[in-house]
Structure formats: C-alpha cells, structure tokens
All heavy atoms as atom14 arrays in JSON, in Angstrom:
{
  "sequence": "FPDVPTLAEAGVPGYALSTWTAMVGPKGLPPEVAAALNKAVNAALSE",
  "atom14_mask": [
    [1, 1, 1, 1, 1, 1, 1, 1, 1, 1, 1, 0, 0, 0],
    [1, 1, 1, 1, 1, 1, 1, 0, 0, 0, 0, 0, 0, 0],
    [1, 1, 1, 1, 1, 1, 1, 1, 0, 0, 0, 0, 0, 0],
    [1, 1, 1, 1, 1, 1, 1, 0, 0, 0, 0, 0, 0, 0],
    [1, 1, 1, 1, 1, 1, 1, 0, 0, 0, 0, 0, 0, 0],
    [1, 1, 1, 1, 1, 1, 1, 0, 0, 0, 0, 0, 0, 0],
    [1, 1, 1, 1, 1, 1, 1, 1, 0, 0, 0, 0, 0, 0],
    [1, 1, 1, 1, 1, 0, 0, 0, 0, 0, 0, 0, 0, 0],
    [1, 1, 1, 1, 1, 1, 1, 1, 1, 0, 0, 0, 0, 0],
    [1, 1, 1, 1, 1, 0, 0, 0, 0, 0, 0, 0, 0, 0],
    [1, 1, 1, 1, 0, 0, 0, 0, 0, 0, 0, 0, 0, 0],
    [1, 1, 1, 1, 1, 1, 1, 0, 0, 0, 0, 0, 0, 0],
    [1, 1, 1, 1, 1, 1, 1, 0, 0, 0, 0, 0, 0, 0],
    [1, 1, 1, 1, 0, 0, 0, 0, 0, 0, 0, 0, 0, 0],
    [1, 1, 1, 1, 1, 1, 1, 1, 1, 1, 1, 1, 0, 0],
    [1, 1, 1, 1, 1, 0, 0, 0, 0, 0, 0, 0, 0, 0],
    [1, 1, 1, 1, 1, 1, 1, 1, 0, 0, 0, 0, 0, 0],
    [1, 1, 1, 1, 1, 1, 0, 0, 0, 0, 0, 0, 0, 0],
    [1, 1, 1, 1, 1, 1, 1, 0, 0, 0, 0, 0, 0, 0],
    [1, 1, 1, 1, 1, 1, 1, 1, 1, 1, 1, 1, 1, 1],
    [1, 1, 1, 1, 1, 1, 1, 0, 0, 0, 0, 0, 0, 0],
    [1, 1, 1, 1, 1, 0, 0, 0, 0, 0, 0, 0, 0, 0],
    [1, 1, 1, 1, 1, 1, 1, 1, 0, 0, 0, 0, 0, 0],
    [1, 1, 1, 1, 1, 1, 1, 0, 0, 0, 0, 0, 0, 0],
    [1, 1, 1, 1, 0, 0, 0, 0, 0, 0, 0, 0, 0, 0],
    [1, 1, 1, 1, 1, 1, 1, 0, 0, 0, 0, 0, 0, 0],
    [1, 1, 1, 1, 1, 1, 1, 1, 1, 0, 0, 0, 0, 0],
    [1, 1, 1, 1, 0, 0, 0, 0, 0, 0, 0, 0, 0, 0],
    [1, 1, 1, 1, 1, 1, 1, 1, 0, 0, 0, 0, 0, 0],
    [1, 1, 1, 1, 1, 1, 1, 0, 0, 0, 0, 0, 0, 0],
    [1, 1, 1, 1, 1, 1, 1, 0, 0, 0, 0, 0, 0, 0],
    [1, 1, 1, 1, 1, 1, 1, 1, 1, 0, 0, 0, 0, 0],
    [1, 1, 1, 1, 1, 1, 1, 0, 0, 0, 0, 0, 0, 0],
    [1, 1, 1, 1, 1, 0, 0, 0, 0, 0, 0, 0, 0, 0],
    [1, 1, 1, 1, 1, 0, 0, 0, 0, 0, 0, 0, 0, 0],
    [1, 1, 1, 1, 1, 0, 0, 0, 0, 0, 0, 0, 0, 0],
    [1, 1, 1, 1, 1, 1, 1, 1, 0, 0, 0, 0, 0, 0],
    [1, 1, 1, 1, 1, 1, 1, 1, 0, 0, 0, 0, 0, 0],
    [1, 1, 1, 1, 1, 1, 1, 1, 1, 0, 0, 0, 0, 0],
    [1, 1, 1, 1, 1, 0, 0, 0, 0, 0, 0, 0, 0, 0],
    [1, 1, 1, 1, 1, 1, 1, 0, 0, 0, 0, 0, 0, 0],
    [1, 1, 1, 1, 1, 1, 1, 1, 0, 0, 0, 0, 0, 0],
    [1, 1, 1, 1, 1, 0, 0, 0, 0, 0, 0, 0, 0, 0],
    [1, 1, 1, 1, 1, 0, 0, 0, 0, 0, 0, 0, 0, 0],
    [1, 1, 1, 1, 1, 1, 1, 1, 0, 0, 0, 0, 0, 0],
    [1, 1, 1, 1, 1, 1, 0, 0, 0, 0, 0, 0, 0, 0],
    [1, 1, 1, 1, 1, 1, 1, 1, 1, 0, 0, 0, 0, 0]
  ],
  "atom14_positions": [
    [[13.51, 15.57, -21.25], [14.81, 16.2, -21.27], [15.56, 15.69, -20.16], [15.99, 16.41, -19.2], [14.61, 17.72, -21.31], [13.72, 18.21, -22.45], [12.43, 18.5, -22.01], [14.23, 18.35, -23.68], [11.63, 18.97, -23.11], [13.38, 18.74, -24.65], [12.03, 19.07, -24.4], [0.0, 0.0, 0.0], [0.0, 0.0, 0.0], [0.0, 0.0, 0.0]],
    [[15.91, 14.45, -20.08], [16.61, 13.86, -18.96], [18.03, 14.45, -18.62], [18.53, 14.36, -17.57], [16.74, 12.36, -19.25], [16.68, 12.18, -20.7], [15.78, 13.5, -21.12], [0.0, 0.0, 0.0], [0.0, 0.0, 0.0], [0.0, 0.0, 0.0], [0.0, 0.0, 0.0], [0.0, 0.0, 0.0], [0.0, 0.0, 0.0], [0.0, 0.0, 0.0]],
    [[18.67, 15.08, -19.65], [19.98, 15.57, -19.49], [19.91, 17.04, -18.9], [20.9, 17.61, -18.64], [20.81, 15.69, -20.72], [21.05, 14.18, -21.34], [21.15, 13.27, -20.43], [21.31, 14.04, -22.49], [0.0, 0.0, 0.0], [0.0, 0.0, 0.0], [0.0, 0.0, 0.0], [0.0, 0.0, 0.0], [0.0, 0.0, 0.0], [0.0, 0.0, 0.0]],
    [[18.76, 17.66, -18.77], [18.64, 18.94, -18.31], [18.42, 18.9, -16.81], [17.62, 18.31, -16.28], [17.34, 19.71, -18.85], [17.23, 21.08, -18.25], [17.6, 19.76, -20.43], [0.0, 0.0, 0.0], [0.0, 0.0, 0.0], [0.0, 0.0, 0.0], [0.0, 0.0, 0.0], [0.0, 0.0, 0.0], [0.0, 0.0, 0.0], [0.0, 0.0, 0.0]],
    [[19.31, 19.65, -15.98], [19.24, 19.5, -14.52], [17.9, 20.29, -13.91], [17.38, 21.1, -14.63], [20.44, 20.33, -14.1], [20.77, 21.32, -15.17], [20.24, 20.54, -16.49], [0.0, 0.0, 0.0], [0.0, 0.0, 0.0], [0.0, 0.0, 0.0], [0.0, 0.0, 0.0], [0.0, 0.0, 0.0], [0.0, 0.0, 0.0], [0.0, 0.0, 0.0]],
    [[17.62, 19.93, -12.75], [16.63, 20.74, -12.03], [17.35, 22.03, -11.54], [18.58, 22.1, -11.49], [16.14, 19.92, -10.79], [17.26, 19.65, -9.84], [15.6, 18.58, -11.22], [0.0, 0.0, 0.0], [0.0, 0.0, 0.0], [0.0, 0.0, 0.0], [0.0, 0.0, 0.0], [0.0, 0.0, 0.0], [0.0, 0.0, 0.0], [0.0, 0.0, 0.0]],
    [[16.55, 22.95, -11.16], [17.18, 24.2, -10.51], [17.99, 23.89, -9.4], [19.07, 24.54, -9.14], [16.12, 25.23, -10.24], [15.81, 26.27, -11.35], [14.65, 27.17, -10.91], [16.87, 26.97, -11.87], [0.0, 0.0, 0.0], [0.0, 0.0, 0.0], [0.0, 0.0, 0.0], [0.0, 0.0, 0.0], [0.0, 0.0, 0.0], [0.0, 0.0, 0.0]],
    [[17.53, 22.94, -8.55], [18.33, 22.57, -7.27], [19.67, 22.06, -7.74], [20.67, 22.32, -7.15], [17.52, 21.54, -6.5], [0.0, 0.0, 0.0], [0.0, 0.0, 0.0], [0.0, 0.0, 0.0], [0.0, 0.0, 0.0], [0.0, 0.0, 0.0], [0.0, 0.0, 0.0], [0.0, 0.0, 0.0], [0.0, 0.0, 0.0], [0.0, 0.0, 0.0]],
    [[19.75, 21.15, -8.71], [20.96, 20.62, -9.26], [21.84, 21.66, -9.85], [23.03, 21.52, -9.83], [20.65, 19.44, -10.14], [20.04, 18.19, -9.75], [19.59, 17.36, -10.82], [19.22, 17.7, -11.94], [19.71, 16.1, -10.64], [0.0, 0.0, 0.0], [0.0, 0.0, 0.0], [0.0, 0.0, 0.0], [0.0, 0.0, 0.0], [0.0, 0.0, 0.0]],
    [[21.23, 22.69, -10.42], [21.97, 23.71, -11.03], [22.44, 24.85, -10.06], [23.05, 25.88, -10.47], [21.08, 24.48, -12.04], [0.0, 0.0, 0.0], [0.0, 0.0, 0.0], [0.0, 0.0, 0.0], [0.0, 0.0, 0.0], [0.0, 0.0, 0.0], [0.0, 0.0, 0.0], [0.0, 0.0, 0.0], [0.0, 0.0, 0.0], [0.0, 0.0, 0.0]],
    [[22.08, 24.71, -8.74], [22.65, 25.57, -7.7], [21.7, 26.39, -7.1], [22.08, 27.52, -6.32], [0.0, 0.0, 0.0], [0.0, 0.0, 0.0], [0.0, 0.0, 0.0], [0.0, 0.0, 0.0], [0.0, 0.0, 0.0], [0.0, 0.0, 0.0], [0.0, 0.0, 0.0], [0.0, 0.0, 0.0], [0.0, 0.0, 0.0], [0.0, 0.0, 0.0]],
    [[20.31, 26.2, -7.31], [19.3, 26.91, -6.59], [18.64, 26.02, -5.73], [17.48, 25.48, -6.04], [18.36, 27.63, -7.55], [17.4, 28.48, -6.91], [19.14, 28.41, -8.67], [0.0, 0.0, 0.0], [0.0, 0.0, 0.0], [0.0, 0.0, 0.0], [0.0, 0.0, 0.0], [0.0, 0.0, 0.0], [0.0, 0.0, 0.0], [0.0, 0.0, 0.0]],
    [[19.14, 25.76, -4.49], [18.47, 24.81, -3.63], [17.17, 25.18, -3.07], [16.96, 26.43, -2.88], [19.52, 24.51, -2.57], [20.28, 25.74, -2.57], [20.32, 26.25, -3.99], [0.0, 0.0, 0.0], [0.0, 0.0, 0.0], [0.0, 0.0, 0.0], [0.0, 0.0, 0.0], [0.0, 0.0, 0.0], [0.0, 0.0, 0.0], [0.0, 0.0, 0.0]],
    [[16.26, 24.32, -2.86], [15.01, 24.65, -2.21], [13.96, 25.24, -3.22], [12.88, 25.52, -2.7], [0.0, 0.0, 0.0], [0.0, 0.0, 0.0], [0.0, 0.0, 0.0], [0.0, 0.0, 0.0], [0.0, 0.0, 0.0], [0.0, 0.0, 0.0], [0.0, 0.0, 0.0], [0.0, 0.0, 0.0], [0.0, 0.0, 0.0], [0.0, 0.0, 0.0]],
    [[14.29, 25.42, -4.48], [13.29, 25.95, -5.41], [12.64, 24.74, -6.11], [13.28, 23.97, -6.79], [13.95, 26.85, -6.37], [12.93, 27.57, -7.28], [12.57, 28.9, -7.07], [12.44, 26.92, -8.4], [11.73, 29.54, -7.9], [11.5, 27.5, -9.21], [11.15, 28.89, -8.92], [10.26, 29.5, -9.74], [0.0, 0.0, 0.0], [0.0, 0.0, 0.0]],
    [[11.38, 24.73, -6.0], [10.58, 23.58, -6.65], [9.23, 24.21, -7.04], [8.48, 24.66, -6.15], [10.57, 22.28, -5.89], [0.0, 0.0, 0.0], [0.0, 0.0, 0.0], [0.0, 0.0, 0.0], [0.0, 0.0, 0.0], [0.0, 0.0, 0.0], [0.0, 0.0, 0.0], [0.0, 0.0, 0.0], [0.0, 0.0, 0.0], [0.0, 0.0, 0.0]],
    [[8.94, 24.24, -8.3], [7.6, 24.71, -8.79], [7.19, 24.02, -10.0], [8.04, 23.8, -10.91], [7.75, 26.2, -9.08], [6.44, 26.91, -9.42], [5.45, 26.9, -8.28], [6.77, 28.39, -9.89], [0.0, 0.0, 0.0], [0.0, 0.0, 0.0], [0.0, 0.0, 0.0], [0.0, 0.0, 0.0], [0.0, 0.0, 0.0], [0.0, 0.0, 0.0]],
    [[5.96, 23.6, -10.0], [5.48, 22.93, -11.21], [4.02, 23.45, -11.49], [3.36, 23.95, -10.62], [5.41, 21.35, -11.07], [4.51, 21.08, -10.03], [0.0, 0.0, 0.0], [0.0, 0.0, 0.0], [0.0, 0.0, 0.0], [0.0, 0.0, 0.0], [0.0, 0.0, 0.0], [0.0, 0.0, 0.0], [0.0, 0.0, 0.0], [0.0, 0.0, 0.0]],
    [[3.67, 23.29, -12.7], [2.26, 23.7, -13.01], [1.38, 22.47, -12.92], [1.8, 21.39, -13.01], [2.2, 24.28, -14.47], [2.7, 23.33, -15.28], [3.01, 25.53, -14.59], [0.0, 0.0, 0.0], [0.0, 0.0, 0.0], [0.0, 0.0, 0.0], [0.0, 0.0, 0.0], [0.0, 0.0, 0.0], [0.0, 0.0, 0.0], [0.0, 0.0, 0.0]],
    [[0.16, 22.69, -12.82], [-0.84, 21.64, -12.71], [-2.14, 22.03, -13.24], [-2.46, 23.23, -13.28], [-0.93, 21.09, -11.17], [-1.02, 22.21, -10.16], [-0.1, 22.76, -9.46], [-2.19, 22.77, -9.78], [-0.56, 23.68, -8.69], [-1.97, 23.76, -8.75], [-3.58, 22.62, -10.12], [-2.87, 24.57, -8.15], [-4.5, 23.48, -9.52], [-4.15, 24.39, -8.52]],
    [[-2.94, 21.06, -13.48], [-4.3, 21.33, -13.98], [-5.21, 20.5, -13.15], [-4.91, 19.33, -12.77], [-4.44, 20.87, -15.51], [-3.49, 21.65, -16.26], [-5.83, 21.14, -15.96], [0.0, 0.0, 0.0], [0.0, 0.0, 0.0], [0.0, 0.0, 0.0], [0.0, 0.0, 0.0], [0.0, 0.0, 0.0], [0.0, 0.0, 0.0], [0.0, 0.0, 0.0]],
    [[-6.31, 21.01, -12.67], [-7.3, 20.28, -11.83], [-8.71, 20.46, -12.47], [-9.0, 21.53, -13.01], [-7.24, 20.83, -10.43], [0.0, 0.0, 0.0], [0.0, 0.0, 0.0], [0.0, 0.0, 0.0], [0.0, 0.0, 0.0], [0.0, 0.0, 0.0], [0.0, 0.0, 0.0], [0.0, 0.0, 0.0], [0.0, 0.0, 0.0], [0.0, 0.0, 0.0]],
    [[-9.36, 19.41, -12.36], [-10.73, 19.39, -12.82], [-11.58, 19.85, -11.67], [-11.48, 19.07, -10.55], [-11.26, 18.11, -13.42], [-12.51, 18.08, -13.98], [-12.83, 16.46, -14.9], [-14.43, 16.63, -15.34], [0.0, 0.0, 0.0], [0.0, 0.0, 0.0], [0.0, 0.0, 0.0], [0.0, 0.0, 0.0], [0.0, 0.0, 0.0], [0.0, 0.0, 0.0]],
    [[-12.46, 20.77, -11.64], [-13.24, 21.22, -10.56], [-14.71, 21.37, -10.91], [-14.96, 21.38, -12.2], [-12.75, 22.56, -9.92], [-11.39, 22.42, -9.43], [-12.81, 23.72, -10.95], [0.0, 0.0, 0.0], [0.0, 0.0, 0.0], [0.0, 0.0, 0.0], [0.0, 0.0, 0.0], [0.0, 0.0, 0.0], [0.0, 0.0, 0.0], [0.0, 0.0, 0.0]],
    [[-15.58, 21.39, -10.05], [-16.99, 21.44, -10.25], [-17.67, 22.55, -9.41], [-16.86, 22.95, -8.48], [0.0, 0.0, 0.0], [0.0, 0.0, 0.0], [0.0, 0.0, 0.0], [0.0, 0.0, 0.0], [0.0, 0.0, 0.0], [0.0, 0.0, 0.0], [0.0, 0.0, 0.0], [0.0, 0.0, 0.0], [0.0, 0.0, 0.0], [0.0, 0.0, 0.0]],
    [[-18.8, 22.78, -9.46], [-19.51, 23.81, -8.62], [-19.68, 23.35, -7.24], [-19.73, 22.1, -6.97], [-20.87, 23.96, -9.41], [-21.16, 22.7, -10.0], [-19.91, 22.24, -10.48], [0.0, 0.0, 0.0], [0.0, 0.0, 0.0], [0.0, 0.0, 0.0], [0.0, 0.0, 0.0], [0.0, 0.0, 0.0], [0.0, 0.0, 0.0], [0.0, 0.0, 0.0]],
    [[-19.72, 24.24, -6.29], [-19.97, 24.01, -4.95], [-21.28, 23.24, -4.82], [-22.24, 23.49, -5.63], [-20.12, 25.33, -4.19], [-20.33, 25.11, -2.65], [-20.3, 26.38, -1.92], [-20.49, 26.18, -0.43], [-20.5, 27.47, 0.32], [0.0, 0.0, 0.0], [0.0, 0.0, 0.0], [0.0, 0.0, 0.0], [0.0, 0.0, 0.0], [0.0, 0.0, 0.0]],
    [[-21.35, 22.23, -4.12], [-22.57, 21.36, -3.89], [-22.71, 20.24, -4.88], [-23.73, 19.67, -4.99], [0.0, 0.0, 0.0], [0.0, 0.0, 0.0], [0.0, 0.0, 0.0], [0.0, 0.0, 0.0], [0.0, 0.0, 0.0], [0.0, 0.0, 0.0], [0.0, 0.0, 0.0], [0.0, 0.0, 0.0], [0.0, 0.0, 0.0], [0.0, 0.0, 0.0]],
    [[-21.63, 19.98, -5.7], [-21.73, 18.9, -6.73], [-21.86, 17.69, -5.94], [-21.16, 17.35, -4.92], [-20.38, 18.78, -7.53], [-20.27, 17.82, -8.52], [-21.26, 18.29, -9.78], [-18.86, 17.76, -9.12], [0.0, 0.0, 0.0], [0.0, 0.0, 0.0], [0.0, 0.0, 0.0], [0.0, 0.0, 0.0], [0.0, 0.0, 0.0], [0.0, 0.0, 0.0]],
    [[-22.92, 16.85, -6.32], [-23.16, 15.6, -5.47], [-21.93, 14.7, -5.54], [-21.28, 14.58, -6.6], [-24.25, 14.98, -6.36], [-24.97, 16.15, -7.03], [-23.87, 17.04, -7.38], [0.0, 0.0, 0.0], [0.0, 0.0, 0.0], [0.0, 0.0, 0.0], [0.0, 0.0, 0.0], [0.0, 0.0, 0.0], [0.0, 0.0, 0.0], [0.0, 0.0, 0.0]],
    [[-21.57, 14.15, -4.44], [-20.37, 13.37, -4.29], [-20.27, 12.21, -5.32], [-19.18, 11.9, -5.83], [-20.44, 12.79, -2.75], [-21.22, 13.72, -2.11], [-22.2, 14.31, -3.12], [0.0, 0.0, 0.0], [0.0, 0.0, 0.0], [0.0, 0.0, 0.0], [0.0, 0.0, 0.0], [0.0, 0.0, 0.0], [0.0, 0.0, 0.0], [0.0, 0.0, 0.0]],
    [[-21.43, 11.53, -5.5], [-21.35, 10.47, -6.5], [-21.09, 10.97, -7.95], [-20.46, 10.23, -8.79], [-22.76, 9.71, -6.52], [-23.91, 10.55, -6.91], [-24.55, 11.3, -5.82], [-24.07, 11.39, -4.66], [-25.68, 11.88, -6.08], [0.0, 0.0, 0.0], [0.0, 0.0, 0.0], [0.0, 0.0, 0.0], [0.0, 0.0, 0.0], [0.0, 0.0, 0.0]],
    [[-21.36, 12.17, -8.31], [-21.14, 12.78, -9.54], [-19.57, 13.06, -9.64], [-18.92, 12.68, -10.71], [-21.89, 13.97, -9.88], [-21.43, 14.65, -11.15], [-23.48, 13.71, -9.91], [0.0, 0.0, 0.0], [0.0, 0.0, 0.0], [0.0, 0.0, 0.0], [0.0, 0.0, 0.0], [0.0, 0.0, 0.0], [0.0, 0.0, 0.0], [0.0, 0.0, 0.0]],
    [[-19.05, 13.63, -8.6], [-17.66, 13.96, -8.5], [-16.79, 12.63, -8.58], [-15.79, 12.65, -9.29], [-17.28, 14.7, -7.14], [0.0, 0.0, 0.0], [0.0, 0.0, 0.0], [0.0, 0.0, 0.0], [0.0, 0.0, 0.0], [0.0, 0.0, 0.0], [0.0, 0.0, 0.0], [0.0, 0.0, 0.0], [0.0, 0.0, 0.0], [0.0, 0.0, 0.0]],
    [[-17.28, 11.59, -7.93], [-16.54, 10.33, -7.86], [-16.53, 9.73, -9.35], [-15.56, 9.22, -9.86], [-17.19, 9.46, -6.88], [0.0, 0.0, 0.0], [0.0, 0.0, 0.0], [0.0, 0.0, 0.0], [0.0, 0.0, 0.0], [0.0, 0.0, 0.0], [0.0, 0.0, 0.0], [0.0, 0.0, 0.0], [0.0, 0.0, 0.0], [0.0, 0.0, 0.0]],
    [[-17.78, 9.84, -9.93], [-17.87, 9.3, -11.36], [-16.99, 10.08, -12.34], [-16.26, 9.41, -13.14], [-19.37, 9.33, -11.77], [0.0, 0.0, 0.0], [0.0, 0.0, 0.0], [0.0, 0.0, 0.0], [0.0, 0.0, 0.0], [0.0, 0.0, 0.0], [0.0, 0.0, 0.0], [0.0, 0.0, 0.0], [0.0, 0.0, 0.0], [0.0, 0.0, 0.0]],
    [[-16.89, 11.4, -12.17], [-16.07, 12.1, -12.96], [-14.57, 11.91, -12.83], [-13.79, 11.69, -13.64], [-16.33, 13.72, -12.91], [-17.67, 14.25, -13.41], [-17.89, 15.58, -12.86], [-17.64, 14.09, -14.88], [0.0, 0.0, 0.0], [0.0, 0.0, 0.0], [0.0, 0.0, 0.0], [0.0, 0.0, 0.0], [0.0, 0.0, 0.0], [0.0, 0.0, 0.0]],
    [[-14.15, 11.71, -11.62], [-12.8, 11.45, -11.14], [-12.48, 9.99, -11.75], [-11.34, 9.84, -12.37], [-12.63, 11.31, -9.66], [-11.27, 11.09, -9.26], [-11.05, 9.83, -8.81], [-10.38, 11.95, -9.24], [0.0, 0.0, 0.0], [0.0, 0.0, 0.0], [0.0, 0.0, 0.0], [0.0, 0.0, 0.0], [0.0, 0.0, 0.0], [0.0, 0.0, 0.0]],
    [[-13.36, 9.06, -11.6], [-13.13, 7.77, -12.15], [-12.88, 7.82, -13.74], [-12.01, 7.17, -14.29], [-14.18, 6.82, -11.86], [-14.01, 5.33, -12.33], [-15.09, 4.51, -11.87], [-14.86, 3.03, -12.32], [-16.02, 2.14, -11.94], [0.0, 0.0, 0.0], [0.0, 0.0, 0.0], [0.0, 0.0, 0.0], [0.0, 0.0, 0.0], [0.0, 0.0, 0.0]],
    [[-13.77, 8.62, -14.3], [-13.69, 8.67, -15.85], [-12.36, 9.34, -16.29], [-11.74, 8.99, -17.26], [-14.9, 9.39, -16.36], [0.0, 0.0, 0.0], [0.0, 0.0, 0.0], [0.0, 0.0, 0.0], [0.0, 0.0, 0.0], [0.0, 0.0, 0.0], [0.0, 0.0, 0.0], [0.0, 0.0, 0.0], [0.0, 0.0, 0.0], [0.0, 0.0, 0.0]],
    [[-12.0, 10.36, -15.58], [-10.71, 11.1, -15.96], [-9.53, 10.25, -15.78], [-8.7, 10.1, -16.57], [-10.66, 12.45, -15.1], [-9.21, 13.09, -15.34], [-11.72, 13.43, -15.63], [0.0, 0.0, 0.0], [0.0, 0.0, 0.0], [0.0, 0.0, 0.0], [0.0, 0.0, 0.0], [0.0, 0.0, 0.0], [0.0, 0.0, 0.0], [0.0, 0.0, 0.0]],
    [[-9.42, 9.51, -14.64], [-8.43, 8.59, -14.27], [-8.29, 7.56, -15.41], [-7.24, 7.14, -15.78], [-8.47, 8.03, -12.93], [-7.99, 9.04, -11.88], [-7.22, 9.9, -12.15], [-8.49, 8.84, -10.64], [0.0, 0.0, 0.0], [0.0, 0.0, 0.0], [0.0, 0.0, 0.0], [0.0, 0.0, 0.0], [0.0, 0.0, 0.0], [0.0, 0.0, 0.0]],
    [[-9.43, 7.06, -15.83], [-9.51, 5.95, -16.78], [-8.97, 6.52, -18.15], [-8.18, 5.85, -18.79], [-10.94, 5.42, -17.04], [0.0, 0.0, 0.0], [0.0, 0.0, 0.0], [0.0, 0.0, 0.0], [0.0, 0.0, 0.0], [0.0, 0.0, 0.0], [0.0, 0.0, 0.0], [0.0, 0.0, 0.0], [0.0, 0.0, 0.0], [0.0, 0.0, 0.0]],
    [[-9.38, 7.77, -18.53], [-8.9, 8.4, -19.69], [-7.39, 8.59, -19.66], [-6.71, 8.35, -20.74], [-9.64, 9.69, -20.14], [0.0, 0.0, 0.0], [0.0, 0.0, 0.0], [0.0, 0.0, 0.0], [0.0, 0.0, 0.0], [0.0, 0.0, 0.0], [0.0, 0.0, 0.0], [0.0, 0.0, 0.0], [0.0, 0.0, 0.0], [0.0, 0.0, 0.0]],
    [[-6.91, 9.06, -18.53], [-5.46, 9.21, -18.39], [-4.65, 8.03, -18.32], [-3.47, 8.01, -18.31], [-5.2, 10.16, -17.13], [-5.73, 11.63, -17.38], [-5.6, 12.38, -16.07], [-4.95, 12.33, -18.48], [0.0, 0.0, 0.0], [0.0, 0.0, 0.0], [0.0, 0.0, 0.0], [0.0, 0.0, 0.0], [0.0, 0.0, 0.0], [0.0, 0.0, 0.0]],
    [[-5.32, 6.78, -18.21], [-4.65, 5.56, -18.29], [-4.42, 4.94, -19.66], [-3.66, 4.04, -19.86], [-5.46, 4.49, -17.39], [-5.4, 4.91, -16.05], [0.0, 0.0, 0.0], [0.0, 0.0, 0.0], [0.0, 0.0, 0.0], [0.0, 0.0, 0.0], [0.0, 0.0, 0.0], [0.0, 0.0, 0.0], [0.0, 0.0, 0.0], [0.0, 0.0, 0.0]],
    [[-5.15, 5.7, -20.57], [-5.09, 5.21, -21.97], [-3.69, 5.39, -22.55], [-3.19, 6.67, -22.53], [-6.17, 5.91, -22.89], [-7.5, 5.53, -22.48], [-7.79, 4.0, -22.97], [-7.22, 3.56, -23.88], [-8.65, 3.41, -22.23], [0.0, 0.0, 0.0], [0.0, 0.0, 0.0], [0.0, 0.0, 0.0], [0.0, 0.0, 0.0], [0.0, 0.0, 0.0]]
  ]
}
C-alpha cells in the first residue's frame, strides 16, 4: 500500500510499531541445532 502514509507522515511523529514473529526454542537448545534451524528458516524465506 505505497500510497498509504506512515503515522509519522500523517502527523503523529515518533510513533513506530510493527508486529514480528520469532522462532524460539527451549532453554539449553544446543547452539548447533539453533544454528541449523536458523539457516533452514532463512533458506526457506529466500524462496
């Protein structure tokens, strides 16, 4: 929607909020598993 302004452009300066999604795992997840999952997710999101 490139013609729709941001709130800052519409007269509400300093307001910026976005939603986000994060993939998380349990405490103690082995770093190599976390790294492999991160790599796989980034690869999928490159498709």
